Amino acid sequence: MNLLYALGTQSVYAQVQTAPPVTVGLGLTNLGTISEVMVWVLDTIVAIAVPLLVLWLIYVGFMFVFARGHKDALKEAKSAFGSISRNY
């Protein structure tokens, strides 16, 4: 006896769905209102600024590590860290 016959056979039908709109490039397909444009601009700025900020923090951290107590190097590292905290 066939296992499928013993368990009962069922037909399965796939639903027809339309594909979502294809976004090419920067994803500018559904920007209908000013608020959607503003959200897109701010999201783009954050997507670029956050990695740059993290890289700058890592660089300043290395500046502190490599200063090794030298007053001039520490002053430069503190100045770089201060510029991060003031600008962001």
C-alpha atoms as a PDB file:
ATOM      1  CA  MET A   1       0.000   0.000   0.000  1.00  0.00           C
ATOM      2  CA  ASN A   2       1.319   3.369  -0.940  1.00  0.00           C
ATOM      3  CA  LEU A   3       2.170   5.689   1.979  1.00  0.00           C
ATOM      4  CA  LEU A   4       0.639   8.756   0.295  1.00  0.00           C
ATOM      5  CA  TYR A   5      -2.568   6.843  -0.322  1.00  0.00           C
ATOM      6  CA  ALA A   6      -2.697   5.716   3.300  1.00  0.00           C
ATOM      7  CA  LEU A   7      -2.207   9.251   4.621  1.00  0.00           C
ATOM      8  CA  GLY A   8      -4.637  10.743   2.169  1.00  0.00           C
ATOM      9  CA  THR A   9      -3.679  12.817  -0.783  1.00  0.00           C
ATOM     10  CA  GLN A  10      -4.213  16.524  -0.918  1.00  0.00           C
ATOM     11  CA  SER A  11      -3.814  18.929  -3.766  1.00  0.00           C
ATOM     12  CA  VAL A  12      -1.800  22.034  -3.144  1.00  0.00           C
ATOM     13  CA  TYR A  13      -2.290  25.112  -5.278  1.00  0.00           C
ATOM     14  CA  ALA A  14       0.070  28.052  -5.356  1.00  0.00           C
ATOM     15  CA  GLN A  15      -1.352  31.533  -5.053  1.00  0.00           C
ATOM     16  CA  VAL A  16      -0.611  34.008  -7.778  1.00  0.00           C
ATOM     17  CA  GLN A  17       1.143  37.064  -6.383  1.00  0.00           C
ATOM     18  CA  THR A  18       2.419  40.119  -8.143  1.00  0.00           C
ATOM     19  CA  ALA A  19       6.055  40.959  -7.686  1.00  0.00           C
ATOM     20  CA  PRO A  20       6.928  44.060  -5.651  1.00  0.00           C
ATOM     21  CA  PRO A  21       8.271  47.028  -7.606  1.00  0.00           C
ATOM     22  CA  VAL A  22      11.931  46.708  -8.396  1.00  0.00           C
ATOM     23  CA  THR A  23      14.067  49.433  -6.867  1.00  0.00           C
ATOM     24  CA  VAL A  24      17.094  50.304  -8.914  1.00  0.00           C
ATOM     25  CA  GLY A  25      19.900  52.355  -7.484  1.00  0.00           C
ATOM     26  CA  LEU A  26      18.924  54.433  -4.468  1.00  0.00           C
ATOM     27  CA  GLY A  27      15.424  53.079  -3.899  1.00  0.00           C
ATOM     28  CA  LEU A  28      13.515  56.073  -5.173  1.00  0.00           C
ATOM     29  CA  THR A  29      10.369  54.272  -6.327  1.00  0.00           C
ATOM     30  CA  ASN A  30       7.768  55.290  -3.736  1.00  0.00           C
ATOM     31  CA  LEU A  31       8.654  58.830  -2.736  1.00  0.00           C
ATOM     32  CA  GLY A  32       5.301  60.489  -3.183  1.00  0.00           C
ATOM     33  CA  THR A  33       5.185  63.018  -0.372  1.00  0.00           C
ATOM     34  CA  ILE A  34       7.609  65.505   1.121  1.00  0.00           C
ATOM     35  CA  SER A  35       7.700  63.533   4.376  1.00  0.00           C
ATOM     36  CA  GLU A  36       8.756  60.369   2.515  1.00  0.00           C
ATOM     37  CA  VAL A  37      11.531  62.322   0.784  1.00  0.00           C
ATOM     38  CA  MET A  38      12.703  63.767   4.111  1.00  0.00           C
ATOM     39  CA  VAL A  39      12.735  60.312   5.709  1.00  0.00           C
ATOM     40  CA  TRP A  40      14.728  58.935   2.787  1.00  0.00           C
ATOM     41  CA  VAL A  41      17.251  61.801   2.965  1.00  0.00           C
ATOM     42  CA  LEU A  42      17.702  61.423   6.720  1.00  0.00           C
ATOM     43  CA  ASP A  43      18.052  57.643   6.450  1.00  0.00           C
ATOM     44  CA  THR A  44      20.722  58.106   3.792  1.00  0.00           C
ATOM     45  CA  ILE A  45      22.610  60.633   5.910  1.00  0.00           C
ATOM     46  CA  VAL A  46      22.522  58.321   8.938  1.00  0.00           C
ATOM     47  CA  ALA A  47      23.636  55.351   6.824  1.00  0.00           C
ATOM     48  CA  ILE A  48      26.709  57.311   5.737  1.00  0.00           C
ATOM     49  CA  ALA A  49      27.491  59.213   8.953  1.00  0.00           C
ATOM     50  CA  VAL A  50      27.345  56.377  11.481  1.00  0.00           C
ATOM     51  CA  PRO A  51      30.092  54.224   9.916  1.00  0.00           C
ATOM     52  CA  LEU A  52      32.291  57.312   9.493  1.00  0.00           C
ATOM     53  CA  LEU A  53      31.747  58.233  13.139  1.00  0.00           C
ATOM     54  CA  VAL A  54      32.664  54.729  14.282  1.00  0.00           C
ATOM     55  CA  LEU A  55      35.832  54.747  12.184  1.00  0.00           C
ATOM     56  CA  TRP A  56      36.794  58.160  13.588  1.00  0.00           C
ATOM     57  CA  LEU A  57      36.248  56.930  17.156  1.00  0.00           C
ATOM     58  CA  ILE A  58      38.479  53.927  16.475  1.00  0.00           C
ATOM     59  CA  TYR A  59      41.143  56.223  15.032  1.00  0.00           C
ATOM     60  CA  VAL A  60      40.998  58.535  18.067  1.00  0.00           C
ATOM     61  CA  GLY A  61      41.225  55.504  20.347  1.00  0.00           C
ATOM     62  CA  PHE A  62      44.423  54.475  18.597  1.00  0.00           C
ATOM     63  CA  MET A  63      45.703  58.030  18.998  1.00  0.00           C
ATOM     64  CA  PHE A  64      45.239  57.723  22.780  1.00  0.00           C
ATOM     65  CA  VAL A  65      46.907  54.306  22.850  1.00  0.00           C
ATOM     66  CA  PHE A  66      49.903  55.381  20.805  1.00  0.00           C
ATOM     67  CA  ALA A  67      50.323  58.649  22.743  1.00  0.00           C
ATOM     68  CA  ARG A  68      51.877  56.661  25.614  1.00  0.00           C
ATOM     69  CA  GLY A  69      51.877  59.601  27.970  1.00  0.00           C
ATOM     70  CA  HIS A  70      53.491  62.138  25.662  1.00  0.00           C
ATOM     71  CA  LYS A  71      51.853  65.467  26.424  1.00  0.00           C
ATOM     72  CA  ASP A  72      51.740  66.732  22.840  1.00  0.00           C
ATOM     73  CA  ALA A  73      50.263  63.501  21.476  1.00  0.00           C
ATOM     74  CA  LEU A  74      47.705  63.375  24.311  1.00  0.00           C
ATOM     75  CA  LYS A  75      46.745  66.980  23.623  1.00  0.00           C
ATOM     76  CA  GLU A  76      46.193  66.133  19.952  1.00  0.00           C
ATOM     77  CA  ALA A  77      44.124  63.039  20.828  1.00  0.00           C
ATOM     78  CA  LYS A  78      42.004  65.021  23.297  1.00  0.00           C
ATOM     79  CA  SER A  79      41.453  67.680  20.681  1.00  0.00           C
ATOM     80  CA  ALA A  80      40.334  65.072  18.133  1.00  0.00           C
ATOM     81  CA  PHE A  81      37.990  63.483  20.676  1.00  0.00           C
ATOM     82  CA  GLY A  82      36.627  66.906  21.570  1.00  0.00           C
ATOM     83  CA  SER A  83      35.848  67.614  17.953  1.00  0.00           C
ATOM     84  CA  ILE A  84      33.836  64.397  17.777  1.00  0.00           C
ATOM     85  CA  SER A  85      31.820  65.182  20.882  1.00  0.00           C
ATOM     86  CA  ARG A  86      31.156  68.767  19.797  1.00  0.00           C
ATOM     87  CA  ASN A  87      30.177  67.996  16.213  1.00  0.00           C
ATOM     88  CA  TYR A  88      28.065  64.911  16.801  1.00  0.00           C
END
